[in-house]
PDB file of N, CA and C in Angstrom:
ATOM      1  N   UNK A   1      44.183  11.693 -31.394  1.00  0.00           N
ATOM      2  CA  UNK A   1      43.452  10.849 -32.303  1.00  0.00           C
ATOM      3  C   UNK A   1      42.556   9.907 -31.500  1.00  0.00           C
ATOM      4  N   UNK A   2      41.326   9.737 -31.931  1.00  0.00           N
ATOM      5  CA  UNK A   2      40.368   8.843 -31.296  1.00  0.00           C
ATOM      6  C   UNK A   2      40.093   7.681 -32.242  1.00  0.00           C
ATOM      7  N   UNK A   3      40.228   6.470 -31.726  1.00  0.00           N
ATOM      8  CA  UNK A   3      39.942   5.264 -32.493  1.00  0.00           C
ATOM      9  C   UNK A   3      38.853   4.484 -31.774  1.00  0.00           C
ATOM     10  N   UNK A   4      37.812   4.103 -32.512  1.00  0.00           N
ATOM     11  CA  UNK A   4      36.759   3.264 -31.947  1.00  0.00           C
ATOM     12  C   UNK A   4      37.237   1.821 -32.047  1.00  0.00           C
ATOM     13  N   UNK A   5      37.244   1.123 -30.914  1.00  0.00           N
ATOM     14  CA  UNK A   5      37.732  -0.251 -30.863  1.00  0.00           C
ATOM     15  C   UNK A   5      36.619  -1.247 -31.184  1.00  0.00           C
ATOM     16  N   UNK A   6      37.015  -2.433 -31.608  1.00  0.00           N
ATOM     17  CA  UNK A   6      36.060  -3.470 -32.023  1.00  0.00           C
ATOM     18  C   UNK A   6      35.184  -3.961 -30.868  1.00  0.00           C
ATOM     19  N   UNK A   7      35.579  -3.727 -29.636  1.00  0.00           N
ATOM     20  CA  UNK A   7      34.783  -4.149 -28.480  1.00  0.00           C
ATOM     21  C   UNK A   7      33.513  -3.314 -28.309  1.00  0.00           C
ATOM     22  N   UNK A   8      33.383  -2.224 -29.063  1.00  0.00           N
ATOM     23  CA  UNK A   8      32.201  -1.377 -28.983  1.00  0.00           C
ATOM     24  C   UNK A   8      30.977  -2.171 -29.432  1.00  0.00           C
ATOM     25  N   UNK A   9      30.009  -2.250 -28.534  1.00  0.00           N
ATOM     26  CA  UNK A   9      28.741  -2.906 -28.854  1.00  0.00           C
ATOM     27  C   UNK A   9      27.712  -2.531 -27.796  1.00  0.00           C
ATOM     28  N   UNK A  10      26.454  -2.440 -28.199  1.00  0.00           N
ATOM     29  CA  UNK A  10      25.411  -2.051 -27.259  1.00  0.00           C
ATOM     30  C   UNK A  10      25.741  -0.727 -26.613  1.00  0.00           C
ATOM     31  N   UNK A  11      25.590  -0.653 -25.292  1.00  0.00           N
ATOM     32  CA  UNK A  11      25.868   0.594 -24.576  1.00  0.00           C
ATOM     33  C   UNK A  11      27.348   0.762 -24.227  1.00  0.00           C
ATOM     34  N   UNK A  12      28.186  -0.190 -24.655  1.00  0.00           N
ATOM     35  CA  UNK A  12      29.627  -0.121 -24.387  1.00  0.00           C
ATOM     36  C   UNK A  12      30.335   0.595 -25.536  1.00  0.00           C
ATOM     37  N   UNK A  13      30.975   1.697 -25.216  1.00  0.00           N
ATOM     38  CA  UNK A  13      31.768   2.460 -26.175  1.00  0.00           C
ATOM     39  C   UNK A  13      33.229   2.298 -25.787  1.00  0.00           C
ATOM     40  N   UNK A  14      34.007   1.664 -26.662  1.00  0.00           N
ATOM     41  CA  UNK A  14      35.426   1.418 -26.391  1.00  0.00           C
ATOM     42  C   UNK A  14      36.264   2.300 -27.309  1.00  0.00           C
ATOM     43  N   UNK A  15      37.044   3.191 -26.695  1.00  0.00           N
ATOM     44  CA  UNK A  15      37.860   4.138 -27.447  1.00  0.00           C
ATOM     45  C   UNK A  15      39.326   4.021 -27.058  1.00  0.00           C
ATOM     46  N   UNK A  16      40.182   4.293 -28.034  1.00  0.00           N
ATOM     47  CA  UNK A  16      41.625   4.447 -27.766  1.00  0.00           C
ATOM     48  C   UNK A  16      41.977   5.864 -28.188  1.00  0.00           C
ATOM     49  N   UNK A  17      42.654   6.583 -27.306  1.00  0.00           N
ATOM     50  CA  UNK A  17      43.104   7.930 -27.632  1.00  0.00           C
ATOM     51  C   UNK A  17      44.623   7.962 -27.595  1.00  0.00           C
ATOM     52  N   UNK A  18      45.188   8.752 -28.498  1.00  0.00           N
ATOM     53  CA  UNK A  18      46.645   8.908 -28.544  1.00  0.00           C
ATOM     54  C   UNK A  18      46.959  10.323 -29.011  1.00  0.00           C
ATOM     55  N   UNK A  19      48.204  10.715 -28.810  1.00  0.00           N
ATOM     56  CA  UNK A  19      48.606  12.062 -29.181  1.00  0.00           C
ATOM     57  C   UNK A  19      47.980  13.089 -28.265  1.00  0.00           C
ATOM     58  N   UNK A  20      47.664  14.238 -28.799  1.00  0.00           N
ATOM     59  CA  UNK A  20      47.046  15.341 -28.046  1.00  0.00           C
ATOM     60  C   UNK A  20      45.571  15.407 -28.428  1.00  0.00           C
ATOM     61  N   UNK A  21      44.685  15.404 -27.428  1.00  0.00           N
ATOM     62  CA  UNK A  21      43.238  15.436 -27.636  1.00  0.00           C
ATOM     63  C   UNK A  21      42.838  16.836 -28.085  1.00  0.00           C
ATOM     64  N   UNK A  22      42.313  16.941 -29.314  1.00  0.00           N
ATOM     65  CA  UNK A  22      42.008  18.231 -29.926  1.00  0.00           C
ATOM     66  C   UNK A  22      40.511  18.502 -29.938  1.00  0.00           C
ATOM     67  N   UNK A  23      40.120  19.664 -30.437  1.00  0.00           N
ATOM     68  CA  UNK A  23      38.694  19.981 -30.581  1.00  0.00           C
ATOM     69  C   UNK A  23      38.005  18.993 -31.512  1.00  0.00           C
ATOM     70  N   UNK A  24      38.684  18.588 -32.579  1.00  0.00           N
ATOM     71  CA  UNK A  24      38.121  17.588 -33.487  1.00  0.00           C
ATOM     72  C   UNK A  24      37.908  16.259 -32.791  1.00  0.00           C
ATOM     73  N   UNK A  25      38.859  15.877 -31.937  1.00  0.00           N
ATOM     74  CA  UNK A  25      38.712  14.647 -31.151  1.00  0.00           C
ATOM     75  C   UNK A  25      37.523  14.767 -30.206  1.00  0.00           C
ATOM     76  N   UNK A  26      37.387  15.934 -29.584  1.00  0.00           N
ATOM     77  CA  UNK A  26      36.254  16.144 -28.684  1.00  0.00           C
ATOM     78  C   UNK A  26      34.937  16.019 -29.433  1.00  0.00           C
ATOM     79  N   UNK A  27      34.855  16.620 -30.627  1.00  0.00           N
ATOM     80  CA  UNK A  27      33.626  16.534 -31.423  1.00  0.00           C
ATOM     81  C   UNK A  27      33.259  15.077 -31.704  1.00  0.00           C
ATOM     82  N   UNK A  28      34.267  14.283 -32.053  1.00  0.00           N
ATOM     83  CA  UNK A  28      34.035  12.864 -32.314  1.00  0.00           C
ATOM     84  C   UNK A  28      33.582  12.141 -31.047  1.00  0.00           C
ATOM     85  N   UNK A  29      34.268  12.386 -29.936  1.00  0.00           N
ATOM     86  CA  UNK A  29      33.919  11.788 -28.641  1.00  0.00           C
ATOM     87  C   UNK A  29      32.485  12.139 -28.263  1.00  0.00           C
ATOM     88  N   UNK A  30      32.143  13.413 -28.355  1.00  0.00           N
ATOM     89  CA  UNK A  30      30.803  13.880 -27.991  1.00  0.00           C
ATOM     90  C   UNK A  30      29.730  13.170 -28.807  1.00  0.00           C
ATOM     91  N   UNK A  31      29.917  13.057 -30.100  1.00  0.00           N
ATOM     92  CA  UNK A  31      28.919  12.418 -30.952  1.00  0.00           C
ATOM     93  C   UNK A  31      28.799  10.924 -30.661  1.00  0.00           C
ATOM     94  N   UNK A  32      29.917  10.270 -30.404  1.00  0.00           N
ATOM     95  CA  UNK A  32      29.881   8.839 -30.078  1.00  0.00           C
ATOM     96  C   UNK A  32      29.138   8.588 -28.765  1.00  0.00           C
ATOM     97  N   UNK A  33      29.390   9.423 -27.767  1.00  0.00           N
ATOM     98  CA  UNK A  33      28.688   9.279 -26.488  1.00  0.00           C
ATOM     99  C   UNK A  33      27.201   9.562 -26.684  1.00  0.00           C
ATOM    100  N   UNK A  34      26.880  10.616 -27.398  1.00  0.00           N
ATOM    101  CA  UNK A  34      25.466  10.968 -27.621  1.00  0.00           C
ATOM    102  C   UNK A  34      24.712   9.847 -28.341  1.00  0.00           C
ATOM    103  N   UNK A  35      25.357   9.226 -29.336  1.00  0.00           N
ATOM    104  CA  UNK A  35      24.719   8.117 -30.059  1.00  0.00           C
ATOM    105  C   UNK A  35      24.364   6.973 -29.115  1.00  0.00           C
ATOM    106  N   UNK A  36      25.285   6.613 -28.246  1.00  0.00           N
ATOM    107  CA  UNK A  36      25.053   5.524 -27.300  1.00  0.00           C
ATOM    108  C   UNK A  36      23.945   5.888 -26.309  1.00  0.00           C
ATOM    109  N   UNK A  37      23.988   7.101 -25.802  1.00  0.00           N
ATOM    110  CA  UNK A  37      22.980   7.536 -24.834  1.00  0.00           C
ATOM    111  C   UNK A  37      21.605   7.567 -25.495  1.00  0.00           C
ATOM    112  N   UNK A  38      21.534   8.066 -26.709  1.00  0.00           N
ATOM    113  CA  UNK A  38      20.248   8.115 -27.416  1.00  0.00           C
ATOM    114  C   UNK A  38      19.680   6.712 -27.611  1.00  0.00           C
ATOM    115  N   UNK A  39      20.534   5.759 -27.936  1.00  0.00           N
ATOM    116  CA  UNK A  39      20.087   4.388 -28.206  1.00  0.00           C
ATOM    117  C   UNK A  39      19.824   3.587 -26.933  1.00  0.00           C
ATOM    118  N   UNK A  40      20.597   3.827 -25.860  1.00  0.00           N
ATOM    119  CA  UNK A  40      20.553   2.953 -24.679  1.00  0.00           C
ATOM    120  C   UNK A  40      20.260   3.663 -23.360  1.00  0.00           C
ATOM    121  N   UNK A  41      20.205   4.966 -23.361  1.00  0.00           N
ATOM    122  CA  UNK A  41      19.907   5.696 -22.132  1.00  0.00           C
ATOM    123  C   UNK A  41      21.135   6.038 -21.309  1.00  0.00           C
ATOM    124  N   UNK A  42      22.121   5.167 -21.308  1.00  0.00           N
ATOM    125  CA  UNK A  42      23.381   5.379 -20.585  1.00  0.00           C
ATOM    126  C   UNK A  42      24.515   4.776 -21.420  1.00  0.00           C
ATOM    127  N   UNK A  43      25.729   5.112 -21.043  1.00  0.00           N
ATOM    128  CA  UNK A  43      26.892   4.583 -21.754  1.00  0.00           C
ATOM    129  C   UNK A  43      27.886   4.019 -20.745  1.00  0.00           C
ATOM    130  N   UNK A  44      28.479   2.893 -21.097  1.00  0.00           N
ATOM    131  CA  UNK A  44      29.649   2.372 -20.389  1.00  0.00           C
ATOM    132  C   UNK A  44      30.833   2.698 -21.289  1.00  0.00           C
ATOM    133  N   UNK A  45      31.839   3.378 -20.742  1.00  0.00           N
ATOM    134  CA  UNK A  45      32.946   3.901 -21.544  1.00  0.00           C
ATOM    135  C   UNK A  45      34.262   3.235 -21.165  1.00  0.00           C
ATOM    136  N   UNK A  46      34.925   2.656 -22.176  1.00  0.00           N
ATOM    137  CA  UNK A  46      36.287   2.148 -22.047  1.00  0.00           C
ATOM    138  C   UNK A  46      37.156   3.194 -22.738  1.00  0.00           C
ATOM    139  N   UNK A  47      38.066   3.841 -21.996  1.00  0.00           N
ATOM    140  CA  UNK A  47      38.866   4.961 -22.489  1.00  0.00           C
ATOM    141  C   UNK A  47      40.335   4.598 -22.320  1.00  0.00           C
ATOM    142  N   UNK A  48      40.938   4.087 -23.395  1.00  0.00           N
ATOM    143  CA  UNK A  48      42.322   3.603 -23.356  1.00  0.00           C
ATOM    144  C   UNK A  48      43.268   4.684 -23.870  1.00  0.00           C
ATOM    145  N   UNK A  49      44.289   4.997 -23.073  1.00  0.00           N
ATOM    146  CA  UNK A  49      45.244   6.054 -23.399  1.00  0.00           C
ATOM    147  C   UNK A  49      46.608   5.436 -23.697  1.00  0.00           C
ATOM    148  N   UNK A  50      47.005   5.479 -24.977  1.00  0.00           N
ATOM    149  CA  UNK A  50      48.303   4.955 -25.388  1.00  0.00           C
ATOM    150  C   UNK A  50      49.060   6.070 -26.106  1.00  0.00           C
ATOM    151  N   UNK A  51      50.272   6.343 -25.650  1.00  0.00           N
ATOM    152  CA  UNK A  51      51.056   7.460 -26.183  1.00  0.00           C
ATOM    153  C   UNK A  51      50.188   8.722 -26.189  1.00  0.00           C
ATOM    154  N   UNK A  52      49.427   8.883 -25.119  1.00  0.00           N
ATOM    155  CA  UNK A  52      48.488   9.993 -24.980  1.00  0.00           C
ATOM    156  C   UNK A  52      49.184  11.120 -24.241  1.00  0.00           C
ATOM    157  N   UNK A  53      49.119  12.306 -24.836  1.00  0.00           N
ATOM    158  CA  UNK A  53      49.807  13.462 -24.266  1.00  0.00           C
ATOM    159  C   UNK A  53      48.874  14.479 -23.642  1.00  0.00           C
ATOM    160  N   UNK A  54      47.642  14.060 -23.367  1.00  0.00           N
ATOM    161  CA  UNK A  54      46.706  14.946 -22.695  1.00  0.00           C
ATOM    162  C   UNK A  54      45.829  15.712 -23.662  1.00  0.00           C
ATOM    163  N   UNK A  55      45.165  16.714 -23.125  1.00  0.00           N
ATOM    164  CA  UNK A  55      44.198  17.507 -23.869  1.00  0.00           C
ATOM    165  C   UNK A  55      44.784  18.867 -24.203  1.00  0.00           C
ATOM    166  N   UNK A  56      44.422  19.407 -25.366  1.00  0.00           N
ATOM    167  CA  UNK A  56      44.688  20.816 -25.628  1.00  0.00           C
ATOM    168  C   UNK A  56      43.774  21.587 -24.677  1.00  0.00           C
ATOM    169  N   UNK A  57      44.157  22.759 -24.253  1.00  0.00           N
ATOM    170  CA  UNK A  57      43.423  23.500 -23.225  1.00  0.00           C
ATOM    171  C   UNK A  57      41.938  23.637 -23.557  1.00  0.00           C
ATOM    172  N   UNK A  58      41.634  24.037 -24.778  1.00  0.00           N
ATOM    173  CA  UNK A  58      40.227  24.250 -25.120  1.00  0.00           C
ATOM    174  C   UNK A  58      39.440  22.938 -25.159  1.00  0.00           C
ATOM    175  N   UNK A  59      40.064  21.854 -25.607  1.00  0.00           N
ATOM    176  CA  UNK A  59      39.350  20.572 -25.642  1.00  0.00           C
ATOM    177  C   UNK A  59      39.209  19.999 -24.229  1.00  0.00           C
ATOM    178  N   UNK A  60      40.148  20.312 -23.342  1.00  0.00           N
ATOM    179  CA  UNK A  60      40.040  19.895 -21.947  1.00  0.00           C
ATOM    180  C   UNK A  60      38.805  20.518 -21.303  1.00  0.00           C
ATOM    181  N   UNK A  61      38.627  21.814 -21.521  1.00  0.00           N
ATOM    182  CA  UNK A  61      37.470  22.518 -20.962  1.00  0.00           C
ATOM    183  C   UNK A  61      36.165  22.002 -21.566  1.00  0.00           C
ATOM    184  N   UNK A  62      36.150  21.813 -22.889  1.00  0.00           N
ATOM    185  CA  UNK A  62      34.944  21.302 -23.565  1.00  0.00           C
ATOM    186  C   UNK A  62      34.582  19.914 -23.046  1.00  0.00           C
ATOM    187  N   UNK A  63      35.575  19.036 -22.927  1.00  0.00           N
ATOM    188  CA  UNK A  63      35.329  17.675 -22.461  1.00  0.00           C
ATOM    189  C   UNK A  63      34.822  17.692 -21.021  1.00  0.00           C
ATOM    190  N   UNK A  64      35.462  18.488 -20.188  1.00  0.00           N
ATOM    191  CA  UNK A  64      35.052  18.579 -18.790  1.00  0.00           C
ATOM    192  C   UNK A  64      33.625  19.073 -18.646  1.00  0.00           C
ATOM    193  N   UNK A  65      33.259  20.101 -19.404  1.00  0.00           N
ATOM    194  CA  UNK A  65      31.890  20.632 -19.346  1.00  0.00           C
ATOM    195  C   UNK A  65      30.883  19.609 -19.866  1.00  0.00           C
ATOM    196  N   UNK A  66      31.206  18.953 -20.966  1.00  0.00           N
ATOM    197  CA  UNK A  66      30.306  17.933 -21.536  1.00  0.00           C
ATOM    198  C   UNK A  66      30.089  16.813 -20.526  1.00  0.00           C
ATOM    199  N   UNK A  67      31.183  16.313 -19.946  1.00  0.00           N
ATOM    200  CA  UNK A  67      31.086  15.216 -18.979  1.00  0.00           C
ATOM    201  C   UNK A  67      30.297  15.633 -17.738  1.00  0.00           C
ATOM    202  N   UNK A  68      30.457  16.873 -17.306  1.00  0.00           N
ATOM    203  CA  UNK A  68      29.713  17.366 -16.144  1.00  0.00           C
ATOM    204  C   UNK A  68      28.223  17.491 -16.460  1.00  0.00           C
ATOM    205  N   UNK A  69      27.898  18.069 -17.591  1.00  0.00           N
ATOM    206  CA  UNK A  69      26.496  18.236 -17.984  1.00  0.00           C
ATOM    207  C   UNK A  69      25.810  16.884 -18.176  1.00  0.00           C
ATOM    208  N   UNK A  70      26.547  15.914 -18.721  1.00  0.00           N
ATOM    209  CA  UNK A  70      25.979  14.595 -19.026  1.00  0.00           C
ATOM    210  C   UNK A  70      26.403  13.540 -18.006  1.00  0.00           C
ATOM    211  N   UNK A  71      26.776  13.970 -16.836  1.00  0.00           N
ATOM    212  CA  UNK A  71      27.365  13.078 -15.831  1.00  0.00           C
ATOM    213  C   UNK A  71      26.495  11.887 -15.482  1.00  0.00           C
ATOM    214  N   UNK A  72      25.200  12.030 -15.490  1.00  0.00           N
ATOM    215  CA  UNK A  72      24.286  10.942 -15.127  1.00  0.00           C
ATOM    216  C   UNK A  72      24.135   9.908 -16.240  1.00  0.00           C
ATOM    217  N   UNK A  73      24.636  10.220 -17.419  1.00  0.00           N
ATOM    218  CA  UNK A  73      24.506   9.313 -18.557  1.00  0.00           C
ATOM    219  C   UNK A  73      25.675   8.328 -18.647  1.00  0.00           C
ATOM    220  N   UNK A  74      26.676   8.501 -17.800  1.00  0.00           N
ATOM    221  CA  UNK A  74      27.808   7.572 -17.755  1.00  0.00           C
ATOM    222  C   UNK A  74      27.535   6.543 -16.666  1.00  0.00           C
ATOM    223  N   UNK A  75      27.317   5.301 -17.064  1.00  0.00           N
ATOM    224  CA  UNK A  75      27.069   4.245 -16.083  1.00  0.00           C
ATOM    225  C   UNK A  75      28.370   3.818 -15.409  1.00  0.00           C
ATOM    226  N   UNK A  76      29.383   3.547 -16.213  1.00  0.00           N
ATOM    227  CA  UNK A  76      30.716   3.170 -15.719  1.00  0.00           C
ATOM    228  C   UNK A  76      31.748   3.659 -16.721  1.00  0.00           C
ATOM    229  N   UNK A  77      32.921   4.000 -16.206  1.00  0.00           N
ATOM    230  CA  UNK A  77      34.018   4.427 -17.071  1.00  0.00           C
ATOM    231  C   UNK A  77      35.285   3.725 -16.608  1.00  0.00           C
ATOM    232  N   UNK A  78      35.914   2.999 -17.522  1.00  0.00           N
ATOM    233  CA  UNK A  78      37.229   2.395 -17.258  1.00  0.00           C
ATOM    234  C   UNK A  78      38.261   3.217 -18.015  1.00  0.00           C
ATOM    235  N   UNK A  79      39.149   3.863 -17.275  1.00  0.00           N
ATOM    236  CA  UNK A  79      40.241   4.612 -17.897  1.00  0.00           C
ATOM    237  C   UNK A  79      41.489   3.749 -17.790  1.00  0.00           C
ATOM    238  N   UNK A  80      42.074   3.439 -18.930  1.00  0.00           N
ATOM    239  CA  UNK A  80      43.199   2.517 -19.013  1.00  0.00           C
ATOM    240  C   UNK A  80      44.390   3.287 -19.560  1.00  0.00           C
ATOM    241  N   UNK A  81      45.486   3.285 -18.810  1.00  0.00           N
ATOM    242  CA  UNK A  81      46.611   4.099 -19.243  1.00  0.00           C
ATOM    243  C   UNK A  81      47.963   3.559 -18.856  1.00  0.00           C
ATOM    244  N   UNK A  82      48.954   4.388 -19.125  1.00  0.00           N
ATOM    245  CA  UNK A  82      50.340   3.968 -18.948  1.00  0.00           C
ATOM    246  C   UNK A  82      51.175   4.949 -18.123  1.00  0.00           C
ATOM    247  N   UNK A  83      50.537   6.005 -17.625  1.00  0.00           N
ATOM    248  CA  UNK A  83      51.274   7.029 -16.891  1.00  0.00           C
ATOM    249  C   UNK A  83      50.566   7.373 -15.582  1.00  0.00           C
ATOM    250  N   UNK A  84      51.326   7.800 -14.611  1.00  0.00           N
ATOM    251  CA  UNK A  84      50.771   8.121 -13.299  1.00  0.00           C
ATOM    252  C   UNK A  84      49.756   9.269 -13.381  1.00  0.00           C
ATOM    253  N   UNK A  85      50.021  10.273 -14.197  1.00  0.00           N
ATOM    254  CA  UNK A  85      49.085  11.393 -14.292  1.00  0.00           C
ATOM    255  C   UNK A  85      47.725  10.925 -14.823  1.00  0.00           C
ATOM    256  N   UNK A  86      47.698   9.850 -15.597  1.00  0.00           N
ATOM    257  CA  UNK A  86      46.437   9.330 -16.128  1.00  0.00           C
ATOM    258  C   UNK A  86      45.593   8.719 -15.003  1.00  0.00           C
ATOM    259  N   UNK A  87      46.253   8.122 -14.042  1.00  0.00           N
ATOM    260  CA  UNK A  87      45.539   7.613 -12.870  1.00  0.00           C
ATOM    261  C   UNK A  87      44.904   8.772 -12.106  1.00  0.00           C
ATOM    262  N   UNK A  88      45.634   9.870 -11.981  1.00  0.00           N
ATOM    263  CA  UNK A  88      45.093  11.056 -11.311  1.00  0.00           C
ATOM    264  C   UNK A  88      43.935  11.645 -12.112  1.00  0.00           C
ATOM    265  N   UNK A  89      44.016  11.604 -13.432  1.00  0.00           N
ATOM    266  CA  UNK A  89      42.921  12.089 -14.280  1.00  0.00           C
ATOM    267  C   UNK A  89      41.661  11.261 -14.043  1.00  0.00           C
ATOM    268  N   UNK A  90      41.839   9.953 -13.843  1.00  0.00           N
ATOM    269  CA  UNK A  90      40.694   9.074 -13.558  1.00  0.00           C
ATOM    270  C   UNK A  90      40.063   9.442 -12.221  1.00  0.00           C
ATOM    271  N   UNK A  91      40.869   9.772 -11.235  1.00  0.00           N
ATOM    272  CA  UNK A  91      40.328  10.194  -9.934  1.00  0.00           C
ATOM    273  C   UNK A  91      39.522  11.482 -10.076  1.00  0.00           C
ATOM    274  N   UNK A  92      40.012  12.409 -10.897  1.00  0.00           N
ATOM    275  CA  UNK A  92      39.283  13.656 -11.128  1.00  0.00           C
ATOM    276  C   UNK A  92      37.981  13.379 -11.883  1.00  0.00           C
ATOM    277  N   UNK A  93      38.029  12.477 -12.853  1.00  0.00           N
ATOM    278  CA  UNK A  93      36.825  12.130 -13.623  1.00  0.00           C
ATOM    279  C   UNK A  93      35.771  11.483 -12.735  1.00  0.00           C
ATOM    280  N   UNK A  94      36.206  10.753 -11.727  1.00  0.00           N
ATOM    281  CA  UNK A  94      35.270  10.089 -10.818  1.00  0.00           C
ATOM    282  C   UNK A  94      34.429  11.115 -10.058  1.00  0.00           C
ATOM    283  N   UNK A  95      34.990  12.284  -9.839  1.00  0.00           N
ATOM    284  CA  UNK A  95      34.266  13.348  -9.154  1.00  0.00           C
ATOM    285  C   UNK A  95      33.216  13.958 -10.089  1.00  0.00           C
ATOM    286  N   UNK A  96      33.527  14.043 -11.373  1.00  0.00           N
ATOM    287  CA  UNK A  96      32.658  14.697 -12.354  1.00  0.00           C
ATOM    288  C   UNK A  96      31.515  13.793 -12.802  1.00  0.00           C
ATOM    289  N   UNK A  97      31.788  12.533 -13.040  1.00  0.00           N
ATOM    290  CA  UNK A  97      30.784  11.623 -13.583  1.00  0.00           C
ATOM    291  C   UNK A  97      30.005  10.950 -12.457  1.00  0.00           C
ATOM    292  N   UNK A  98      28.694  10.792 -12.661  1.00  0.00           N
ATOM    293  CA  UNK A  98      27.847  10.164 -11.640  1.00  0.00           C
ATOM    294  C   UNK A  98      28.128   8.668 -11.533  1.00  0.00           C
ATOM    295  N   UNK A  99      28.440   8.025 -12.662  1.00  0.00           N
ATOM    296  CA  UNK A  99      28.780   6.604 -12.637  1.00  0.00           C
ATOM    297  C   UNK A  99      30.160   6.389 -12.088  1.00  0.00           C
ATOM    298  N   UNK A 100      30.485   5.175 -11.755  1.00  0.00           N
ATOM    299  CA  UNK A 100      31.788   4.846 -11.189  1.00  0.00           C
ATOM    300  C   UNK A 100      32.882   4.923 -12.249  1.00  0.00           C
ATOM    301  N   UNK A 101      34.001   5.526 -11.895  1.00  0.00           N
ATOM    302  CA  UNK A 101      35.175   5.603 -12.759  1.00  0.00           C
ATOM    303  C   UNK A 101      36.294   4.845 -12.079  1.00  0.00           C
ATOM    304  N   UNK A 102      36.964   3.981 -12.829  1.00  0.00           N
ATOM    305  CA  UNK A 102      38.079   3.230 -12.263  1.00  0.00           C
ATOM    306  C   UNK A 102      39.240   3.251 -13.247  1.00  0.00           C
ATOM    307  N   UNK A 103      40.445   3.364 -12.699  1.00  0.00           N
ATOM    308  CA  UNK A 103      41.665   3.371 -13.516  1.00  0.00           C
ATOM    309  C   UNK A 103      42.285   1.978 -13.511  1.00  0.00           C
ATOM    310  N   UNK A 104      42.798   1.584 -14.680  1.00  0.00           N
ATOM    311  CA  UNK A 104      43.522   0.320 -14.840  1.00  0.00           C
ATOM    312  C   UNK A 104      44.795   0.591 -15.629  1.00  0.00           C
ATOM    313  N   UNK A 105      45.920  -0.025 -15.247  1.00  0.00           N
ATOM    314  CA  UNK A 105      47.111   0.079 -16.083  1.00  0.00           C
ATOM    315  C   UNK A 105      46.896  -0.715 -17.382  1.00  0.00           C
ATOM    316  N   UNK A 106      47.671  -0.384 -18.412  1.00  0.00           N
ATOM    317  CA  UNK A 106      47.525  -1.066 -19.708  1.00  0.00           C
ATOM    318  C   UNK A 106      47.618  -2.580 -19.587  1.00  0.00           C
ATOM    319  N   UNK A 107      48.427  -3.054 -18.662  1.00  0.00           N
ATOM    320  CA  UNK A 107      48.588  -4.502 -18.496  1.00  0.00           C
ATOM    321  C   UNK A 107      47.306  -5.167 -18.004  1.00  0.00           C
ATOM    322  N   UNK A 108      46.318  -4.369 -17.575  1.00  0.00           N
ATOM    323  CA  UNK A 108      45.059  -4.911 -17.059  1.00  0.00           C
ATOM    324  C   UNK A 108      43.868  -4.550 -17.954  1.00  0.00           C
ATOM    325  N   UNK A 109      44.124  -4.443 -19.267  1.00  0.00           N
ATOM    326  CA  UNK A 109      43.047  -4.131 -20.218  1.00  0.00           C
ATOM    327  C   UNK A 109      41.883  -5.100 -20.073  1.00  0.00           C
ATOM    328  N   UNK A 110      42.198  -6.375 -20.010  1.00  0.00           N
ATOM    329  CA  UNK A 110      41.160  -7.407 -19.940  1.00  0.00           C
ATOM    330  C   UNK A 110      40.310  -7.218 -18.691  1.00  0.00           C
ATOM    331  N   UNK A 111      40.950  -6.961 -17.551  1.00  0.00           N
ATOM    332  CA  UNK A 111      40.219  -6.750 -16.306  1.00  0.00           C
ATOM    333  C   UNK A 111      39.317  -5.510 -16.402  1.00  0.00           C
ATOM    334  N   UNK A 112      39.791  -4.471 -17.085  1.00  0.00           N
ATOM    335  CA  UNK A 112      38.980  -3.266 -17.260  1.00  0.00           C
ATOM    336  C   UNK A 112      37.715  -3.585 -18.042  1.00  0.00           C
ATOM    337  N   UNK A 113      37.859  -4.354 -19.111  1.00  0.00           N
ATOM    338  CA  UNK A 113      36.705  -4.722 -19.918  1.00  0.00           C
ATOM    339  C   UNK A 113      35.748  -5.600 -19.115  1.00  0.00           C
ATOM    340  N   UNK A 114      36.288  -6.507 -18.336  1.00  0.00           N
ATOM    341  CA  UNK A 114      35.448  -7.371 -17.490  1.00  0.00           C
ATOM    342  C   UNK A 114      34.694  -6.542 -16.452  1.00  0.00           C
ATOM    343  N   UNK A 115      35.377  -5.600 -15.839  1.00  0.00           N
ATOM    344  CA  UNK A 115      34.739  -4.742 -14.834  1.00  0.00           C
ATOM    345  C   UNK A 115      33.582  -3.968 -15.464  1.00  0.00           C
ATOM    346  N   UNK A 116      33.783  -3.445 -16.679  1.00  0.00           N
ATOM    347  CA  UNK A 116      32.717  -2.712 -17.341  1.00  0.00           C
ATOM    348  C   UNK A 116      31.481  -3.582 -17.610  1.00  0.00           C
ATOM    349  N   UNK A 117      31.698  -4.860 -17.796  1.00  0.00           N
ATOM    350  CA  UNK A 117      30.606  -5.738 -18.164  1.00  0.00           C
ATOM    351  C   UNK A 117      29.853  -6.310 -16.967  1.00  0.00           C
ATOM    352  N   UNK A 118      30.333  -6.065 -15.750  1.00  0.00           N
ATOM    353  CA  UNK A 118      29.589  -6.494 -14.577  1.00  0.00           C
ATOM    354  C   UNK A 118      28.404  -5.561 -14.371  1.00  0.00           C
ATOM    355  N   UNK A 119      27.346  -6.055 -13.800  1.00  0.00           N
ATOM    356  CA  UNK A 119      26.127  -5.261 -13.639  1.00  0.00           C
ATOM    357  C   UNK A 119      26.253  -4.205 -12.553  1.00  0.00           C
ATOM    358  N   UNK A 120      27.022  -4.481 -11.521  1.00  0.00           N
ATOM    359  CA  UNK A 120      27.120  -3.525 -10.411  1.00  0.00           C
ATOM    360  C   UNK A 120      28.052  -2.376 -10.794  1.00  0.00           C
ATOM    361  N   UNK A 121      27.694  -1.163 -10.356  1.00  0.00           N
ATOM    362  CA  UNK A 121      28.550   0.016 -10.642  1.00  0.00           C
ATOM    363  C   UNK A 121      29.880  -0.050  -9.922  1.00  0.00           C
TER     364      UNK A 121
END
């Protein structure tokens, strides 16, 4: 499930994901990113994972391909999570996206949002 958080404004897209990321979730994610890019040229993404069980295989591939194709449109990505594998996912995302990707534990949500709002990548 994808939830758009109230912190979303301007080029900042703040999402919370939970459960298993499905094709429907990917469709929603893709459209939200495209809207921001169309309006602002780039997107800063806050991606919070709570009770998140990963991606279904097909949505994992779709998300990976979308992120790779649109890699230059991500200015910064803060991945916020609660599990060690999520930190590793952030490291993998950093390779795919042209903008800087950084992982934060859930206890550092505020710091993640602050980092996204700084001008430097």
